[in-house]
């Protein structure tokens, strides 16, 4: 039995649901990391280019955060590609 086109989009699709939950989880992880970075940035007033920071713990933490963001973003893109298949 073929449904009218307007009803086809109302039916649940397991693949679509999996993709959406996968994307939502990845987006939340990335947002949480972004929030941590903004909080750290505002709190320590270190939203400066790397070379403008004095050598020391602030610069080290700044570099750690950037590295962590890059890894999270890479993981996010990997997760999305797993959700959606080959891009």
N, C-alpha and C. Protein backbone atom coordinates (compact mmCIF):
# COMPACT_ATOMS: atom_id res chain seq x y z
N UNK A 1 0.85 -1.18 0.00
CA UNK A 1 0.00 0.00 0.00
C UNK A 1 0.89 1.25 0.00
N UNK A 2 0.64 2.11 -0.92
CA UNK A 2 1.41 3.34 -1.03
C UNK A 2 0.65 4.48 -0.37
N UNK A 3 1.37 5.19 0.46
CA UNK A 3 0.76 6.33 1.16
C UNK A 3 0.86 7.57 0.30
N UNK A 4 -0.06 8.51 0.53
CA UNK A 4 0.09 9.81 -0.15
C UNK A 4 1.40 10.47 0.31
N UNK A 5 1.96 11.27 -0.54
CA UNK A 5 3.25 11.89 -0.24
C UNK A 5 3.22 12.69 1.05
N UNK A 6 2.11 13.36 1.33
CA UNK A 6 2.02 14.17 2.54
C UNK A 6 2.14 13.33 3.81
N UNK A 7 1.74 12.06 3.76
CA UNK A 7 1.81 11.19 4.93
C UNK A 7 3.15 10.49 5.07
N UNK A 8 3.91 10.41 4.00
CA UNK A 8 5.19 9.71 4.05
C UNK A 8 6.16 10.37 5.01
N UNK A 9 6.09 11.67 5.12
CA UNK A 9 7.02 12.38 5.99
C UNK A 9 6.62 12.29 7.46
N UNK A 10 5.37 11.93 7.71
CA UNK A 10 4.89 11.80 9.09
C UNK A 10 5.30 10.48 9.73
N UNK A 11 5.58 9.49 8.92
CA UNK A 11 5.94 8.17 9.45
C UNK A 11 7.35 8.22 10.03
N UNK A 12 7.58 7.57 11.18
CA UNK A 12 8.93 7.56 11.75
C UNK A 12 9.88 6.74 10.88
N UNK A 13 11.06 7.24 10.72
CA UNK A 13 12.09 6.54 9.95
C UNK A 13 13.27 6.29 10.88
N UNK A 14 13.61 5.02 11.13
CA UNK A 14 14.69 4.71 12.09
C UNK A 14 16.02 5.37 11.73
N UNK A 15 16.35 5.40 10.45
CA UNK A 15 17.63 6.00 10.04
C UNK A 15 17.63 7.49 10.36
N UNK A 16 16.54 8.16 10.03
CA UNK A 16 16.45 9.60 10.28
C UNK A 16 16.53 9.88 11.77
N UNK A 17 15.85 9.06 12.57
CA UNK A 17 15.86 9.24 14.02
C UNK A 17 17.27 9.04 14.57
N UNK A 18 17.96 8.01 14.08
CA UNK A 18 19.34 7.74 14.53
C UNK A 18 20.25 8.90 14.16
N UNK A 19 20.12 9.37 12.94
CA UNK A 19 20.96 10.50 12.50
C UNK A 19 20.73 11.72 13.37
N UNK A 20 19.46 12.00 13.64
CA UNK A 20 19.14 13.20 14.42
C UNK A 20 19.68 13.10 15.84
N UNK A 21 19.49 11.93 16.48
CA UNK A 21 19.98 11.79 17.86
C UNK A 21 21.50 11.84 17.89
N UNK A 22 22.13 11.27 16.88
CA UNK A 22 23.59 11.28 16.77
C UNK A 22 24.08 12.72 16.60
N UNK A 23 23.44 13.46 15.72
CA UNK A 23 23.84 14.85 15.47
C UNK A 23 23.61 15.71 16.71
N UNK A 24 22.49 15.48 17.38
CA UNK A 24 22.17 16.26 18.58
C UNK A 24 23.22 16.04 19.65
N UNK A 25 23.61 14.79 19.89
CA UNK A 25 24.62 14.46 20.91
C UNK A 25 25.94 15.13 20.57
N UNK A 26 26.37 15.01 19.32
CA UNK A 26 27.63 15.62 18.90
C UNK A 26 27.58 17.14 19.04
N UNK A 27 26.47 17.74 18.67
CA UNK A 27 26.33 19.19 18.77
C UNK A 27 26.37 19.65 20.22
N UNK A 28 25.74 18.88 21.10
CA UNK A 28 25.75 19.23 22.53
C UNK A 28 27.16 19.16 23.09
N UNK A 29 27.92 18.13 22.73
CA UNK A 29 29.30 18.00 23.19
C UNK A 29 30.13 19.20 22.72
N UNK A 30 29.96 19.56 21.47
CA UNK A 30 30.72 20.67 20.91
C UNK A 30 30.31 21.99 21.56
N UNK A 31 29.03 22.17 21.81
CA UNK A 31 28.54 23.39 22.46
C UNK A 31 29.07 23.51 23.88
N UNK A 32 29.12 22.38 24.58
CA UNK A 32 29.64 22.38 25.95
C UNK A 32 31.10 22.82 25.97
N UNK A 33 31.87 22.32 25.04
CA UNK A 33 33.28 22.71 24.96
C UNK A 33 33.40 24.19 24.61
N UNK A 34 32.57 24.67 23.69
CA UNK A 34 32.58 26.09 23.34
C UNK A 34 32.24 26.96 24.53
N UNK A 35 31.27 26.53 25.32
CA UNK A 35 30.87 27.28 26.52
C UNK A 35 32.02 27.32 27.53
N UNK A 36 32.69 26.19 27.70
CA UNK A 36 33.84 26.15 28.62
C UNK A 36 34.92 27.12 28.16
N UNK A 37 35.15 27.15 26.85
CA UNK A 37 36.17 28.04 26.31
C UNK A 37 35.78 29.50 26.54
N UNK A 38 34.53 29.85 26.25
CA UNK A 38 34.08 31.24 26.43
C UNK A 38 34.18 31.64 27.90
N UNK A 39 33.77 30.75 28.79
CA UNK A 39 33.83 31.05 30.22
C UNK A 39 35.27 31.27 30.65
N UNK A 40 36.16 30.40 30.20
CA UNK A 40 37.57 30.52 30.54
C UNK A 40 38.13 31.82 29.96
N UNK A 41 37.75 32.09 28.74
CA UNK A 41 38.23 33.28 28.05
C UNK A 41 37.81 34.55 28.80
N UNK A 42 36.54 34.64 29.13
CA UNK A 42 36.04 35.83 29.81
C UNK A 42 36.60 35.93 31.22
N UNK A 43 36.68 34.81 31.90
CA UNK A 43 37.14 34.81 33.29
C UNK A 43 38.59 35.25 33.39
N UNK A 44 39.43 34.70 32.53
CA UNK A 44 40.86 35.00 32.61
C UNK A 44 41.28 36.13 31.67
N UNK A 45 40.31 36.65 30.92
CA UNK A 45 40.60 37.74 29.99
C UNK A 45 41.76 37.40 29.07
N UNK A 46 41.68 36.23 28.45
CA UNK A 46 42.78 35.80 27.58
C UNK A 46 42.33 35.55 26.16
N UNK A 47 41.28 36.22 25.72
CA UNK A 47 40.86 36.07 24.33
C UNK A 47 41.79 36.88 23.44
N UNK A 48 43.00 36.47 23.37
CA UNK A 48 44.02 37.16 22.60
C UNK A 48 44.71 36.15 21.69
N UNK A 49 45.32 36.64 20.63
CA UNK A 49 46.13 35.73 19.84
C UNK A 49 47.23 35.12 20.70
N UNK A 50 47.61 33.93 20.37
CA UNK A 50 48.60 33.17 21.13
C UNK A 50 49.86 33.99 21.43
N UNK A 51 50.35 34.71 20.42
CA UNK A 51 51.62 35.42 20.61
C UNK A 51 51.50 36.61 21.55
N UNK A 52 50.27 37.08 21.83
CA UNK A 52 50.09 38.21 22.74
C UNK A 52 50.06 37.80 24.21
N UNK A 53 50.01 36.50 24.46
CA UNK A 53 49.97 36.03 25.85
C UNK A 53 51.38 35.86 26.39
N UNK A 54 51.60 36.26 27.63
CA UNK A 54 52.92 36.01 28.23
C UNK A 54 53.10 34.51 28.45
N UNK A 55 54.34 34.08 28.39
CA UNK A 55 54.64 32.67 28.64
C UNK A 55 54.26 32.35 30.08
N UNK A 56 53.59 31.24 30.28
CA UNK A 56 53.18 30.85 31.62
C UNK A 56 51.92 30.01 31.60
N UNK A 57 51.32 29.85 32.79
CA UNK A 57 50.16 28.97 32.90
C UNK A 57 48.96 29.40 32.06
N UNK A 58 48.73 30.70 31.91
CA UNK A 58 47.59 31.16 31.09
C UNK A 58 47.76 30.73 29.65
N UNK A 59 48.95 30.93 29.13
CA UNK A 59 49.22 30.56 27.74
C UNK A 59 49.11 29.05 27.56
N UNK A 60 49.61 28.30 28.53
CA UNK A 60 49.53 26.84 28.46
C UNK A 60 48.07 26.38 28.45
N UNK A 61 47.25 26.97 29.32
CA UNK A 61 45.83 26.59 29.39
C UNK A 61 45.12 26.98 28.09
N UNK A 62 45.47 28.13 27.55
CA UNK A 62 44.89 28.59 26.30
C UNK A 62 45.20 27.59 25.18
N UNK A 63 46.44 27.15 25.12
CA UNK A 63 46.84 26.17 24.10
C UNK A 63 46.12 24.84 24.32
N UNK A 64 45.97 24.43 25.58
CA UNK A 64 45.24 23.19 25.88
C UNK A 64 43.80 23.28 25.39
N UNK A 65 43.17 24.42 25.67
CA UNK A 65 41.78 24.60 25.24
C UNK A 65 41.65 24.56 23.72
N UNK A 66 42.56 25.22 23.03
CA UNK A 66 42.51 25.20 21.57
C UNK A 66 42.71 23.79 21.04
N UNK A 67 43.63 23.07 21.62
CA UNK A 67 43.87 21.69 21.21
C UNK A 67 42.65 20.83 21.47
N UNK A 68 42.05 21.02 22.63
CA UNK A 68 40.85 20.27 22.99
C UNK A 68 39.70 20.59 22.04
N UNK A 69 39.54 21.85 21.69
CA UNK A 69 38.48 22.24 20.75
C UNK A 69 38.71 21.60 19.39
N UNK A 70 39.95 21.60 18.93
CA UNK A 70 40.24 21.00 17.63
C UNK A 70 39.93 19.50 17.63
N UNK A 71 40.30 18.82 18.72
CA UNK A 71 40.02 17.38 18.81
C UNK A 71 38.52 17.12 18.86
N UNK A 72 37.80 17.93 19.65
CA UNK A 72 36.35 17.76 19.76
C UNK A 72 35.67 18.01 18.41
N UNK A 73 36.14 19.02 17.71
CA UNK A 73 35.53 19.34 16.42
C UNK A 73 35.78 18.22 15.42
N UNK A 74 36.99 17.67 15.45
CA UNK A 74 37.31 16.54 14.59
C UNK A 74 36.43 15.35 14.94
N UNK A 75 36.27 15.10 16.25
CA UNK A 75 35.41 13.99 16.69
C UNK A 75 33.96 14.24 16.26
N UNK A 76 33.53 15.49 16.33
CA UNK A 76 32.17 15.86 15.91
C UNK A 76 31.97 15.56 14.43
N UNK A 77 32.92 15.97 13.60
CA UNK A 77 32.80 15.70 12.17
C UNK A 77 32.84 14.21 11.87
N UNK A 78 33.68 13.49 12.61
CA UNK A 78 33.74 12.03 12.44
C UNK A 78 32.41 11.40 12.81
N UNK A 79 31.85 11.85 13.92
CA UNK A 79 30.56 11.32 14.37
C UNK A 79 29.47 11.61 13.34
N UNK A 80 29.47 12.81 12.80
CA UNK A 80 28.48 13.14 11.78
C UNK A 80 28.65 12.26 10.55
N UNK A 81 29.88 12.02 10.15
CA UNK A 81 30.09 11.17 8.97
C UNK A 81 29.63 9.74 9.25
N UNK A 82 29.80 9.28 10.50
CA UNK A 82 29.30 7.95 10.86
C UNK A 82 27.77 7.93 10.86
N UNK A 83 27.17 9.01 11.32
CA UNK A 83 25.70 9.11 11.34
C UNK A 83 25.13 9.10 9.94
N UNK A 84 25.75 9.85 9.06
CA UNK A 84 25.19 10.05 7.73
C UNK A 84 25.80 9.13 6.69
N UNK A 85 26.76 8.32 7.08
CA UNK A 85 27.42 7.48 6.10
C UNK A 85 28.51 8.26 5.41
N UNK A 86 28.96 7.75 4.31
CA UNK A 86 30.03 8.44 3.58
C UNK A 86 29.53 9.75 3.02
N UNK A 87 30.32 10.79 3.23
CA UNK A 87 29.92 12.12 2.73
C UNK A 87 30.52 12.35 1.36
